[in-house]
Structure formats: C-alpha cells, structure tokens
C-alpha cells in the first residue's frame, strides 16, 4: 500500500448540514414539514373531538412533567445541597469582607 491509498479525503461542503440536500426545494428533506399545516388551524376549524384530544394531550404532558420533575436521584439531591451550601458560604464571606472594608474605610475618614 502506497501513500496515495492511505489518504482519506472529505469532499463535503463547509457549513453544509448533515442530511440536507443542496438546492432541494421539496419538503422531503425538512423535518416536520407536514406539521406546519396543523399549527395554522384555529379552534373554530376543529371538531369537538379534535379539541378534546388536544386538551387531553396537553393535560397529560403537564401531569407527566410535574411528576417526573419531582423525582431526583440521591446523588443529584446531594450535589444540589453541596452546591447550595458552598454558594451560601462564598456569598457570606464576600459580603462580610465588603462590609468590613466599607466600615474600615468610612471610620478611617472620620477619625483622620
């Protein structure tokens, strides 16, 4: 095998996204091209059954997010606790130092 056989070349276009075809105007290459028509429908154009199904879906998504967000692993809880405590400690130290500097600066001016 010579050096020419061992070369791997890429002939793509810089900035081109994977899976996108250059100059293609059809909606086959775009994701969710058919969902755009659903977003423009108003409530007046929908049947009762369609409205009920959408409302039910939204309620289920909200219930799922409220239930799933409450569950935290023990490691995550411990990490949040450590970060919260250390942030409070750093903030307290910083504010105390600033207050001491301020008091020292202002009391030094009154005496002198």
PDB file of N, CA and C in Angstrom:
ATOM      1  N   UNK A   1       0.860  -1.179   0.000  1.00  0.00           N
ATOM      2  CA  UNK A   1       0.000   0.000   0.000  1.00  0.00           C
ATOM      3  C   UNK A   1       0.902   1.237   0.000  1.00  0.00           C
ATOM      4  N   UNK A   2       0.668   2.118  -0.951  1.00  0.00           N
ATOM      5  CA  UNK A   2       1.477   3.335  -1.008  1.00  0.00           C
ATOM      6  C   UNK A   2       0.746   4.478  -0.309  1.00  0.00           C
ATOM      7  N   UNK A   3       1.354   5.649  -0.258  1.00  0.00           N
ATOM      8  CA  UNK A   3       0.795   6.778   0.481  1.00  0.00           C
ATOM      9  C   UNK A   3      -0.514   7.275  -0.109  1.00  0.00           C
ATOM     10  N   UNK A   4      -0.722   7.142  -1.378  1.00  0.00           N
ATOM     11  CA  UNK A   4      -1.950   7.610  -2.015  1.00  0.00           C
ATOM     12  C   UNK A   4      -3.142   6.782  -1.548  1.00  0.00           C
ATOM     13  N   UNK A   5      -2.963   5.490  -1.357  1.00  0.00           N
ATOM     14  CA  UNK A   5      -4.053   4.621  -0.904  1.00  0.00           C
ATOM     15  C   UNK A   5      -4.418   4.873   0.556  1.00  0.00           C
ATOM     16  N   UNK A   6      -3.509   5.399   1.347  1.00  0.00           N
ATOM     17  CA  UNK A   6      -3.737   5.596   2.774  1.00  0.00           C
ATOM     18  C   UNK A   6      -4.378   6.941   3.098  1.00  0.00           C
ATOM     19  N   UNK A   7      -4.702   7.746   2.104  1.00  0.00           N
ATOM     20  CA  UNK A   7      -5.255   9.074   2.340  1.00  0.00           C
ATOM     21  C   UNK A   7      -6.783   8.996   2.361  1.00  0.00           C
ATOM     22  N   UNK A   8      -7.371   9.604   3.366  1.00  0.00           N
ATOM     23  CA  UNK A   8      -8.823   9.705   3.463  1.00  0.00           C
ATOM     24  C   UNK A   8      -9.201  11.151   3.179  1.00  0.00           C
ATOM     25  N   UNK A   9     -10.000  11.362   2.165  1.00  0.00           N
ATOM     26  CA  UNK A   9     -10.366  12.725   1.777  1.00  0.00           C
ATOM     27  C   UNK A   9     -11.853  12.934   1.975  1.00  0.00           C
ATOM     28  N   UNK A  10     -12.210  14.161   2.337  1.00  0.00           N
ATOM     29  CA  UNK A  10     -13.616  14.518   2.521  1.00  0.00           C
ATOM     30  C   UNK A  10     -13.962  15.595   1.515  1.00  0.00           C
ATOM     31  N   UNK A  11     -14.979  15.348   0.720  1.00  0.00           N
ATOM     32  CA  UNK A  11     -15.336  16.278  -0.336  1.00  0.00           C
ATOM     33  C   UNK A  11     -16.656  16.980  -0.045  1.00  0.00           C
ATOM     34  N   UNK A  12     -16.982  17.148   1.216  1.00  0.00           N
ATOM     35  CA  UNK A  12     -18.221  17.830   1.595  1.00  0.00           C
ATOM     36  C   UNK A  12     -18.101  19.329   1.440  1.00  0.00           C
ATOM     37  N   UNK A  13     -19.210  20.001   1.631  1.00  0.00           N
ATOM     38  CA  UNK A  13     -19.256  21.454   1.534  1.00  0.00           C
ATOM     39  C   UNK A  13     -19.213  22.022   2.943  1.00  0.00           C
ATOM     40  N   UNK A  14     -18.319  22.972   3.204  1.00  0.00           N
ATOM     41  CA  UNK A  14     -18.210  23.579   4.526  1.00  0.00           C
ATOM     42  C   UNK A  14     -19.524  24.261   4.909  1.00  0.00           C
ATOM     43  N   UNK A  15     -19.963  24.047   6.125  1.00  0.00           N
ATOM     44  CA  UNK A  15     -21.188  24.670   6.599  1.00  0.00           C
ATOM     45  C   UNK A  15     -22.444  23.919   6.214  1.00  0.00           C
ATOM     46  N   UNK A  16     -22.328  22.897   5.404  1.00  0.00           N
ATOM     47  CA  UNK A  16     -23.497  22.124   4.975  1.00  0.00           C
ATOM     48  C   UNK A  16     -23.927  21.212   6.115  1.00  0.00           C
ATOM     49  N   UNK A  17     -25.196  21.130   6.358  1.00  0.00           N
ATOM     50  CA  UNK A  17     -25.717  20.288   7.435  1.00  0.00           C
ATOM     51  C   UNK A  17     -25.867  18.853   6.940  1.00  0.00           C
ATOM     52  N   UNK A  18     -25.671  17.926   7.875  1.00  0.00           N
ATOM     53  CA  UNK A  18     -25.827  16.524   7.521  1.00  0.00           C
ATOM     54  C   UNK A  18     -27.284  16.240   7.176  1.00  0.00           C
ATOM     55  N   UNK A  19     -27.516  15.495   6.133  1.00  0.00           N
ATOM     56  CA  UNK A  19     -28.854  15.090   5.754  1.00  0.00           C
ATOM     57  C   UNK A  19     -29.605  16.119   4.937  1.00  0.00           C
ATOM     58  N   UNK A  20     -29.021  17.256   4.681  1.00  0.00           N
ATOM     59  CA  UNK A  20     -29.677  18.288   3.880  1.00  0.00           C
ATOM     60  C   UNK A  20     -29.127  18.216   2.459  1.00  0.00           C
ATOM     61  N   UNK A  21     -30.024  18.322   1.493  1.00  0.00           N
ATOM     62  CA  UNK A  21     -29.584  18.305   0.105  1.00  0.00           C
ATOM     63  C   UNK A  21     -29.492  19.729  -0.423  1.00  0.00           C
ATOM     64  N   UNK A  22     -28.442  19.967  -1.158  1.00  0.00           N
ATOM     65  CA  UNK A  22     -28.205  21.294  -1.703  1.00  0.00           C
ATOM     66  C   UNK A  22     -29.202  21.571  -2.824  1.00  0.00           C
ATOM     67  N   UNK A  23     -29.914  22.690  -2.758  1.00  0.00           N
ATOM     68  CA  UNK A  23     -30.812  23.102  -3.824  1.00  0.00           C
ATOM     69  C   UNK A  23     -32.135  22.368  -3.857  1.00  0.00           C
ATOM     70  N   UNK A  24     -32.427  21.574  -2.852  1.00  0.00           N
ATOM     71  CA  UNK A  24     -33.687  20.827  -2.830  1.00  0.00           C
ATOM     72  C   UNK A  24     -34.788  21.713  -2.257  1.00  0.00           C
ATOM     73  N   UNK A  25     -35.850  21.902  -3.028  1.00  0.00           N
ATOM     74  CA  UNK A  25     -36.936  22.754  -2.551  1.00  0.00           C
ATOM     75  C   UNK A  25     -38.123  21.947  -2.041  1.00  0.00           C
ATOM     76  N   UNK A  26     -38.069  20.625  -2.159  1.00  0.00           N
ATOM     77  CA  UNK A  26     -39.187  19.812  -1.687  1.00  0.00           C
ATOM     78  C   UNK A  26     -39.136  19.687  -0.175  1.00  0.00           C
ATOM     79  N   UNK A  27     -40.252  19.347   0.425  1.00  0.00           N
ATOM     80  CA  UNK A  27     -40.327  19.255   1.886  1.00  0.00           C
ATOM     81  C   UNK A  27     -39.890  17.893   2.394  1.00  0.00           C
ATOM     82  N   UNK A  28     -39.417  16.999   1.498  1.00  0.00           N
ATOM     83  CA  UNK A  28     -38.992  15.680   1.959  1.00  0.00           C
ATOM     84  C   UNK A  28     -37.737  15.746   2.801  1.00  0.00           C
ATOM     85  N   UNK A  29     -36.874  16.709   2.566  1.00  0.00           N
ATOM     86  CA  UNK A  29     -35.638  16.834   3.324  1.00  0.00           C
ATOM     87  C   UNK A  29     -35.822  17.541   4.646  1.00  0.00           C
ATOM     88  N   UNK A  30     -36.889  18.295   4.824  1.00  0.00           N
ATOM     89  CA  UNK A  30     -37.082  19.031   6.070  1.00  0.00           C
ATOM     90  C   UNK A  30     -37.825  18.185   7.073  1.00  0.00           C
ATOM     91  N   UNK A  31     -37.476  18.364   8.329  1.00  0.00           N
ATOM     92  CA  UNK A  31     -38.153  17.620   9.385  1.00  0.00           C
ATOM     93  C   UNK A  31     -39.443  18.327   9.755  1.00  0.00           C
ATOM     94  N   UNK A  32     -40.514  17.586   9.854  1.00  0.00           N
ATOM     95  CA  UNK A  32     -41.770  18.154  10.307  1.00  0.00           C
ATOM     96  C   UNK A  32     -42.402  19.108   9.321  1.00  0.00           C
ATOM     97  N   UNK A  33     -42.204  18.893   8.058  1.00  0.00           N
ATOM     98  CA  UNK A  33     -42.765  19.794   7.065  1.00  0.00           C
ATOM     99  C   UNK A  33     -44.281  19.753   7.032  1.00  0.00           C
ATOM    100  N   UNK A  34     -44.856  18.605   7.372  1.00  0.00           N
ATOM    101  CA  UNK A  34     -46.312  18.494   7.329  1.00  0.00           C
ATOM    102  C   UNK A  34     -46.969  19.062   8.584  1.00  0.00           C
ATOM    103  N   UNK A  35     -46.217  19.262   9.650  1.00  0.00           N
ATOM    104  CA  UNK A  35     -46.815  19.769  10.890  1.00  0.00           C
ATOM    105  C   UNK A  35     -47.122  21.261  10.821  1.00  0.00           C
ATOM    106  N   UNK A  36     -46.598  21.953   9.837  1.00  0.00           N
ATOM    107  CA  UNK A  36     -46.852  23.380   9.737  1.00  0.00           C
ATOM    108  C   UNK A  36     -48.325  23.648   9.461  1.00  0.00           C
ATOM    109  N   UNK A  37     -48.984  22.789   8.733  1.00  0.00           N
ATOM    110  CA  UNK A  37     -50.396  22.980   8.438  1.00  0.00           C
ATOM    111  C   UNK A  37     -51.258  22.843   9.677  1.00  0.00           C
ATOM    112  N   UNK A  38     -50.866  22.007  10.614  1.00  0.00           N
ATOM    113  CA  UNK A  38     -51.631  21.801  11.834  1.00  0.00           C
ATOM    114  C   UNK A  38     -51.571  23.015  12.751  1.00  0.00           C
ATOM    115  N   UNK A  39     -50.475  23.745  12.740  1.00  0.00           N
ATOM    116  CA  UNK A  39     -50.317  24.887  13.627  1.00  0.00           C
ATOM    117  C   UNK A  39     -51.204  26.054  13.215  1.00  0.00           C
ATOM    118  N   UNK A  40     -51.579  26.128  11.952  1.00  0.00           N
ATOM    119  CA  UNK A  40     -52.356  27.266  11.490  1.00  0.00           C
ATOM    120  C   UNK A  40     -53.855  27.062  11.700  1.00  0.00           C
ATOM    121  N   UNK A  41     -54.291  25.878  12.063  1.00  0.00           N
ATOM    122  CA  UNK A  41     -55.712  25.636  12.287  1.00  0.00           C
ATOM    123  C   UNK A  41     -56.179  26.349  13.542  1.00  0.00           C
ATOM    124  N   UNK A  42     -57.326  26.973  13.451  1.00  0.00           N
ATOM    125  CA  UNK A  42     -57.900  27.648  14.608  1.00  0.00           C
ATOM    126  C   UNK A  42     -58.876  26.719  15.297  1.00  0.00           C
ATOM    127  N   UNK A  43     -59.298  27.116  16.481  1.00  0.00           N
ATOM    128  CA  UNK A  43     -60.232  26.304  17.247  1.00  0.00           C
ATOM    129  C   UNK A  43     -61.572  26.215  16.524  1.00  0.00           C
ATOM    130  N   UNK A  44     -61.932  27.265  15.826  1.00  0.00           N
ATOM    131  CA  UNK A  44     -63.206  27.260  15.106  1.00  0.00           C
ATOM    132  C   UNK A  44     -63.224  26.222  13.996  1.00  0.00           C
ATOM    133  N   UNK A  45     -62.053  25.921  13.424  1.00  0.00           N
ATOM    134  CA  UNK A  45     -61.981  24.947  12.333  1.00  0.00           C
ATOM    135  C   UNK A  45     -61.934  23.507  12.832  1.00  0.00           C
ATOM    136  N   UNK A  46     -61.711  23.308  14.121  1.00  0.00           N
ATOM    137  CA  UNK A  46     -61.554  21.968  14.672  1.00  0.00           C
ATOM    138  C   UNK A  46     -62.886  21.428  15.178  1.00  0.00           C
ATOM    139  N   UNK A  47     -63.005  20.100  15.129  1.00  0.00           N
ATOM    140  CA  UNK A  47     -64.200  19.467  15.676  1.00  0.00           C
ATOM    141  C   UNK A  47     -64.046  19.325  17.187  1.00  0.00           C
ATOM    142  N   UNK A  48     -65.144  19.013  17.864  1.00  0.00           N
ATOM    143  CA  UNK A  48     -65.102  18.826  19.317  1.00  0.00           C
ATOM    144  C   UNK A  48     -64.148  17.703  19.698  1.00  0.00           C
ATOM    145  N   UNK A  49     -64.143  16.653  18.910  1.00  0.00           N
ATOM    146  CA  UNK A  49     -63.295  15.501  19.197  1.00  0.00           C
ATOM    147  C   UNK A  49     -61.817  15.880  19.084  1.00  0.00           C
ATOM    148  N   UNK A  50     -61.475  16.685  18.084  1.00  0.00           N
ATOM    149  CA  UNK A  50     -60.096  17.128  17.917  1.00  0.00           C
ATOM    150  C   UNK A  50     -59.663  18.028  19.072  1.00  0.00           C
ATOM    151  N   UNK A  51     -60.550  18.915  19.500  1.00  0.00           N
ATOM    152  CA  UNK A  51     -60.239  19.803  20.618  1.00  0.00           C
ATOM    153  C   UNK A  51     -60.031  19.000  21.890  1.00  0.00           C
ATOM    154  N   UNK A  52     -60.928  18.038  22.137  1.00  0.00           N
ATOM    155  CA  UNK A  52     -60.803  17.208  23.329  1.00  0.00           C
ATOM    156  C   UNK A  52     -59.499  16.417  23.326  1.00  0.00           C
ATOM    157  N   UNK A  53     -59.129  15.892  22.171  1.00  0.00           N
ATOM    158  CA  UNK A  53     -57.896  15.102  22.117  1.00  0.00           C
ATOM    159  C   UNK A  53     -56.669  15.984  22.358  1.00  0.00           C
ATOM    160  N   UNK A  54     -56.673  17.199  21.835  1.00  0.00           N
ATOM    161  CA  UNK A  54     -55.536  18.104  22.075  1.00  0.00           C
ATOM    162  C   UNK A  54     -55.468  18.543  23.530  1.00  0.00           C
ATOM    163  N   UNK A  55     -56.611  18.871  24.117  1.00  0.00           N
ATOM    164  CA  UNK A  55     -56.641  19.299  25.515  1.00  0.00           C
ATOM    165  C   UNK A  55     -56.174  18.164  26.412  1.00  0.00           C
ATOM    166  N   UNK A  56     -56.639  16.958  26.118  1.00  0.00           N
ATOM    167  CA  UNK A  56     -56.248  15.801  26.915  1.00  0.00           C
ATOM    168  C   UNK A  56     -54.742  15.565  26.807  1.00  0.00           C
ATOM    169  N   UNK A  57     -54.203  15.706  25.605  1.00  0.00           N
ATOM    170  CA  UNK A  57     -52.763  15.522  25.406  1.00  0.00           C
ATOM    171  C   UNK A  57     -51.965  16.554  26.203  1.00  0.00           C
ATOM    172  N   UNK A  58     -52.387  17.803  26.161  1.00  0.00           N
ATOM    173  CA  UNK A  58     -51.692  18.865  26.896  1.00  0.00           C
ATOM    174  C   UNK A  58     -51.744  18.599  28.396  1.00  0.00           C
ATOM    175  N   UNK A  59     -52.906  18.174  28.893  1.00  0.00           N
ATOM    176  CA  UNK A  59     -53.036  17.877  30.321  1.00  0.00           C
ATOM    177  C   UNK A  59     -52.131  16.713  30.713  1.00  0.00           C
ATOM    178  N   UNK A  60     -52.068  15.683  29.871  1.00  0.00           N
ATOM    179  CA  UNK A  60     -51.206  14.538  30.172  1.00  0.00           C
ATOM    180  C   UNK A  60     -49.734  14.948  30.190  1.00  0.00           C
ATOM    181  N   UNK A  61     -49.333  15.799  29.261  1.00  0.00           N
ATOM    182  CA  UNK A  61     -47.946  16.269  29.237  1.00  0.00           C
ATOM    183  C   UNK A  61     -47.618  17.072  30.493  1.00  0.00           C
ATOM    184  N   UNK A  62     -48.553  17.912  30.935  1.00  0.00           N
ATOM    185  CA  UNK A  62     -48.323  18.702  32.151  1.00  0.00           C
ATOM    186  C   UNK A  62     -48.234  17.805  33.376  1.00  0.00           C
ATOM    187  N   UNK A  63     -49.109  16.800  33.454  1.00  0.00           N
ATOM    188  CA  UNK A  63     -49.066  15.876  34.581  1.00  0.00           C
ATOM    189  C   UNK A  63     -47.752  15.098  34.585  1.00  0.00           C
ATOM    190  N   UNK A  64     -47.326  14.660  33.421  1.00  0.00           N
ATOM    191  CA  UNK A  64     -46.077  13.903  33.327  1.00  0.00           C
ATOM    192  C   UNK A  64     -44.884  14.760  33.751  1.00  0.00           C
ATOM    193  N   UNK A  65     -44.854  15.996  33.284  1.00  0.00           N
ATOM    194  CA  UNK A  65     -43.713  16.853  33.642  1.00  0.00           C
ATOM    195  C   UNK A  65     -43.711  17.172  35.130  1.00  0.00           C
ATOM    196  N   UNK A  66     -44.881  17.338  35.734  1.00  0.00           N
ATOM    197  CA  UNK A  66     -44.908  17.625  37.169  1.00  0.00           C
ATOM    198  C   UNK A  66     -44.479  16.415  37.990  1.00  0.00           C
ATOM    199  N   UNK A  67     -44.815  15.224  37.534  1.00  0.00           N
ATOM    200  CA  UNK A  67     -44.428  14.012  38.255  1.00  0.00           C
ATOM    201  C   UNK A  67     -42.953  13.717  38.040  1.00  0.00           C
ATOM    202  N   UNK A  68     -42.490  13.824  36.816  1.00  0.00           N
ATOM    203  CA  UNK A  68     -41.103  13.460  36.524  1.00  0.00           C
ATOM    204  C   UNK A  68     -40.114  14.480  37.071  1.00  0.00           C
ATOM    205  N   UNK A  69     -40.511  15.731  37.211  1.00  0.00           N
ATOM    206  CA  UNK A  69     -39.582  16.728  37.738  1.00  0.00           C
ATOM    207  C   UNK A  69     -39.390  16.586  39.245  1.00  0.00           C
ATOM    208  N   UNK A  70     -40.324  15.959  39.928  1.00  0.00           N
ATOM    209  CA  UNK A  70     -40.211  15.788  41.374  1.00  0.00           C
ATOM    210  C   UNK A  70     -39.219  14.689  41.727  1.00  0.00           C
ATOM    211  N   UNK A  71     -39.036  13.730  40.831  1.00  0.00           N
ATOM    212  CA  UNK A  71     -38.128  12.626  41.115  1.00  0.00           C
ATOM    213  C   UNK A  71     -36.695  13.066  40.878  1.00  0.00           C
ATOM    214  N   UNK A  72     -35.887  12.990  41.934  1.00  0.00           N
ATOM    215  CA  UNK A  72     -34.474  13.305  41.819  1.00  0.00           C
ATOM    216  C   UNK A  72     -33.689  12.176  42.465  1.00  0.00           C
ATOM    217  N   UNK A  73     -32.585  11.865  41.879  1.00  0.00           N
ATOM    218  CA  UNK A  73     -31.750  10.811  42.438  1.00  0.00           C
ATOM    219  C   UNK A  73     -31.072  11.321  43.710  1.00  0.00           C
ATOM    220  N   UNK A  74     -30.584  10.391  44.501  1.00  0.00           N
ATOM    221  CA  UNK A  74     -29.909  10.765  45.742  1.00  0.00           C
ATOM    222  C   UNK A  74     -28.645  11.545  45.445  1.00  0.00           C
ATOM    223  N   UNK A  75     -27.958  11.166  44.392  1.00  0.00           N
ATOM    224  CA  UNK A  75     -26.733  11.872  44.017  1.00  0.00           C
ATOM    225  C   UNK A  75     -27.005  13.302  43.604  1.00  0.00           C
ATOM    226  N   UNK A  76     -28.092  13.494  42.850  1.00  0.00           N
ATOM    227  CA  UNK A  76     -28.445  14.845  42.417  1.00  0.00           C
ATOM    228  C   UNK A  76     -28.830  15.712  43.607  1.00  0.00           C
ATOM    229  N   UNK A  77     -29.611  15.142  44.532  1.00  0.00           N
ATOM    230  CA  UNK A  77     -30.002  15.885  45.729  1.00  0.00           C
ATOM    231  C   UNK A  77     -28.780  16.287  46.542  1.00  0.00           C
ATOM    232  N   UNK A  78     -27.829  15.358  46.679  1.00  0.00           N
ATOM    233  CA  UNK A  78     -26.634  15.647  47.452  1.00  0.00           C
ATOM    234  C   UNK A  78     -25.789  16.720  46.757  1.00  0.00           C
ATOM    235  N   UNK A  79     -25.664  16.627  45.427  1.00  0.00           N
ATOM    236  CA  UNK A  79     -24.882  17.624  44.692  1.00  0.00           C
ATOM    237  C   UNK A  79     -25.520  19.004  44.805  1.00  0.00           C
ATOM    238  N   UNK A  80     -26.842  19.070  44.692  1.00  0.00           N
ATOM    239  CA  UNK A  80     -27.539  20.359  44.832  1.00  0.00           C
ATOM    240  C   UNK A  80     -27.348  20.928  46.227  1.00  0.00           C
ATOM    241  N   UNK A  81     -27.388  20.066  47.232  1.00  0.00           N
ATOM    242  CA  UNK A  81     -27.204  20.500  48.614  1.00  0.00           C
ATOM    243  C   UNK A  81     -25.794  21.057  48.821  1.00  0.00           C
ATOM    244  N   UNK A  82     -24.785  20.353  48.302  1.00  0.00           N
ATOM    245  CA  UNK A  82     -23.402  20.796  48.459  1.00  0.00           C
ATOM    246  C   UNK A  82     -23.191  22.122  47.740  1.00  0.00           C
ATOM    247  N   UNK A  83     -23.695  22.222  46.515  1.00  0.00           N
ATOM    248  CA  UNK A  83     -23.536  23.469  45.758  1.00  0.00           C
ATOM    249  C   UNK A  83     -24.251  24.640  46.423  1.00  0.00           C
ATOM    250  N   UNK A  84     -25.436  24.379  46.952  1.00  0.00           N
ATOM    251  CA  UNK A  84     -26.190  25.433  47.619  1.00  0.00           C
ATOM    252  C   UNK A  84     -25.461  25.909  48.872  1.00  0.00           C
ATOM    253  N   UNK A  85     -24.978  24.969  49.668  1.00  0.00           N
ATOM    254  CA  UNK A  85     -24.260  25.325  50.889  1.00  0.00           C
ATOM    255  C   UNK A  85     -22.972  26.090  50.586  1.00  0.00           C
ATOM    256  N   UNK A  86     -22.236  25.629  49.584  1.00  0.00           N
ATOM    257  CA  UNK A  86     -20.975  26.310  49.263  1.00  0.00           C
ATOM    258  C   UNK A  86     -21.242  27.699  48.682  1.00  0.00           C
ATOM    259  N   UNK A  87     -22.307  27.860  47.906  1.00  0.00           N
ATOM    260  CA  UNK A  87     -22.652  29.185  47.372  1.00  0.00           C
ATOM    261  C   UNK A  87     -23.021  30.142  48.498  1.00  0.00           C
ATOM    262  N   UNK A  88     -23.768  29.652  49.476  1.00  0.00           N
ATOM    263  CA  UNK A  88     -24.125  30.490  50.628  1.00  0.00           C
ATOM    264  C   UNK A  88     -22.878  30.897  51.400  1.00  0.00           C
ATOM    265  N   UNK A  89     -21.956  29.967  51.566  1.00  0.00           N
ATOM    266  CA  UNK A  89     -20.726  30.245  52.305  1.00  0.00           C
ATOM    267  C   UNK A  89     -19.880  31.291  51.579  1.00  0.00           C
ATOM    268  N   UNK A  90     -19.746  31.133  50.265  1.00  0.00           N
ATOM    269  CA  UNK A  90     -18.957  32.089  49.484  1.00  0.00           C
ATOM    270  C   UNK A  90     -19.607  33.469  49.526  1.00  0.00           C
ATOM    271  N   UNK A  91     -20.922  33.519  49.376  1.00  0.00           N
ATOM    272  CA  UNK A  91     -21.635  34.799  49.399  1.00  0.00           C
ATOM    273  C   UNK A  91     -21.494  35.478  50.758  1.00  0.00           C
ATOM    274  N   UNK A  92     -21.619  34.709  51.812  1.00  0.00           N
ATOM    275  CA  UNK A  92     -21.484  35.270  53.159  1.00  0.00           C
ATOM    276  C   UNK A  92     -20.080  35.819  53.380  1.00  0.00           C
ATOM    277  N   UNK A  93     -19.082  35.076  52.963  1.00  0.00           N
ATOM    278  CA  UNK A  93     -17.697  35.526  53.115  1.00  0.00           C
ATOM    279  C   UNK A  93     -17.454  36.806  52.329  1.00  0.00           C
ATOM    280  N   UNK A  94     -17.936  36.859  51.103  1.00  0.00           N
ATOM    281  CA  UNK A  94     -17.741  38.033  50.261  1.00  0.00           C
ATOM    282  C   UNK A  94     -18.418  39.267  50.856  1.00  0.00           C
ATOM    283  N   UNK A  95     -19.679  39.107  51.263  1.00  0.00           N
ATOM    284  CA  UNK A  95     -20.413  40.249  51.823  1.00  0.00           C
ATOM    285  C   UNK A  95     -19.769  40.718  53.116  1.00  0.00           C
ATOM    286  N   UNK A  96     -19.331  39.798  53.956  1.00  0.00           N
ATOM    287  CA  UNK A  96     -18.675  40.170  55.209  1.00  0.00           C
ATOM    288  C   UNK A  96     -17.391  40.957  54.943  1.00  0.00           C
ATOM    289  N   UNK A  97     -16.604  40.499  53.985  1.00  0.00           N
ATOM    290  CA  UNK A  97     -15.374  41.208  53.644  1.00  0.00           C
ATOM    291  C   UNK A  97     -15.677  42.606  53.104  1.00  0.00           C
ATOM    292  N   UNK A  98     -16.660  42.725  52.249  1.00  0.00           N
ATOM    293  CA  UNK A  98     -17.019  44.029  51.693  1.00  0.00           C
ATOM    294  C   UNK A  98     -17.522  44.975  52.774  1.00  0.00           C
ATOM    295  N   UNK A  99     -18.330  44.440  53.669  1.00  0.00           N
ATOM    296  CA  UNK A  99     -18.851  45.270  54.765  1.00  0.00           C
ATOM    297  C   UNK A  99     -17.707  45.727  55.670  1.00  0.00           C
ATOM    298  N   UNK A 100     -16.777  44.829  56.006  1.00  0.00           N
ATOM    299  CA  UNK A 100     -15.643  45.200  56.847  1.00  0.00           C
ATOM    300  C   UNK A 100     -14.781  46.263  56.169  1.00  0.00           C
ATOM    301  N   UNK A 101     -14.535  46.107  54.880  1.00  0.00           N
ATOM    302  CA  UNK A 101     -13.757  47.101  54.135  1.00  0.00           C
ATOM    303  C   UNK A 101     -14.465  48.446  54.131  1.00  0.00           C
ATOM    304  N   UNK A 102     -15.773  48.426  53.946  1.00  0.00           N
ATOM    305  CA  UNK A 102     -16.558  49.660  53.916  1.00  0.00           C
ATOM    306  C   UNK A 102     -16.506  50.373  55.265  1.00  0.00           C
ATOM    307  N   UNK A 103     -16.707  49.594  56.343  1.00  0.00           N
ATOM    308  CA  UNK A 103     -16.681  50.177  57.686  1.00  0.00           C
ATOM    309  C   UNK A 103     -15.303  50.730  57.996  1.00  0.00           C
ATOM    310  N   UNK A 104     -14.247  49.984  57.662  1.00  0.00           N
ATOM    311  CA  UNK A 104     -12.889  50.430  57.925  1.00  0.00           C
ATOM    312  C   UNK A 104     -12.575  51.697  57.137  1.00  0.00           C
ATOM    313  N   UNK A 105     -13.044  51.756  55.919  1.00  0.00           N
ATOM    314  CA  UNK A 105     -12.799  52.930  55.077  1.00  0.00           C
ATOM    315  C   UNK A 105     -13.530  54.158  55.623  1.00  0.00           C
ATOM    316  N   UNK A 106     -14.780  53.995  56.010  1.00  0.00           N
ATOM    317  CA  UNK A 106     -15.570  55.131  56.491  1.00  0.00           C
ATOM    318  C   UNK A 106     -15.172  55.562  57.901  1.00  0.00           C
ATOM    319  N   UNK A 107     -14.828  54.653  58.747  1.00  0.00           N
ATOM    320  CA  UNK A 107     -14.402  55.053  60.093  1.00  0.00           C
ATOM    321  C   UNK A 107     -13.015  55.665  60.056  1.00  0.00           C
ATOM    322  N   UNK A 108     -12.176  55.271  59.133  1.00  0.00           N
ATOM    323  CA  UNK A 108     -10.844  55.848  58.986  1.00  0.00           C
ATOM    324  C   UNK A 108     -10.924  57.291  58.529  1.00  0.00           C
ATOM    325  N   UNK A 109     -11.892  57.652  57.701  1.00  0.00           N
ATOM    326  CA  UNK A 109     -12.038  59.023  57.220  1.00  0.00           C
ATOM    327  C   UNK A 109     -12.539  59.938  58.331  1.00  0.00           C
ATOM    328  N   UNK A 110     -13.425  59.423  59.177  1.00  0.00           N
ATOM    329  CA  UNK A 110     -13.974  60.269  60.252  1.00  0.00           C
ATOM    330  C   UNK A 110     -12.931  60.607  61.293  1.00  0.00           C
ATOM    331  N   UNK A 111     -12.030  59.679  61.569  1.00  0.00           N
ATOM    332  CA  UNK A 111     -11.007  59.893  62.584  1.00  0.00           C
ATOM    333  C   UNK A 111      -9.927  60.836  62.070  1.00  0.00           C
ATOM    334  N   UNK A 112      -9.576  60.741  60.793  1.00  0.00           N
ATOM    335  CA  UNK A 112      -8.456  61.493  60.273  1.00  0.00           C
ATOM    336  C   UNK A 112      -8.817  62.856  59.868  1.00  0.00           C
TER     337      UNK A 112
END
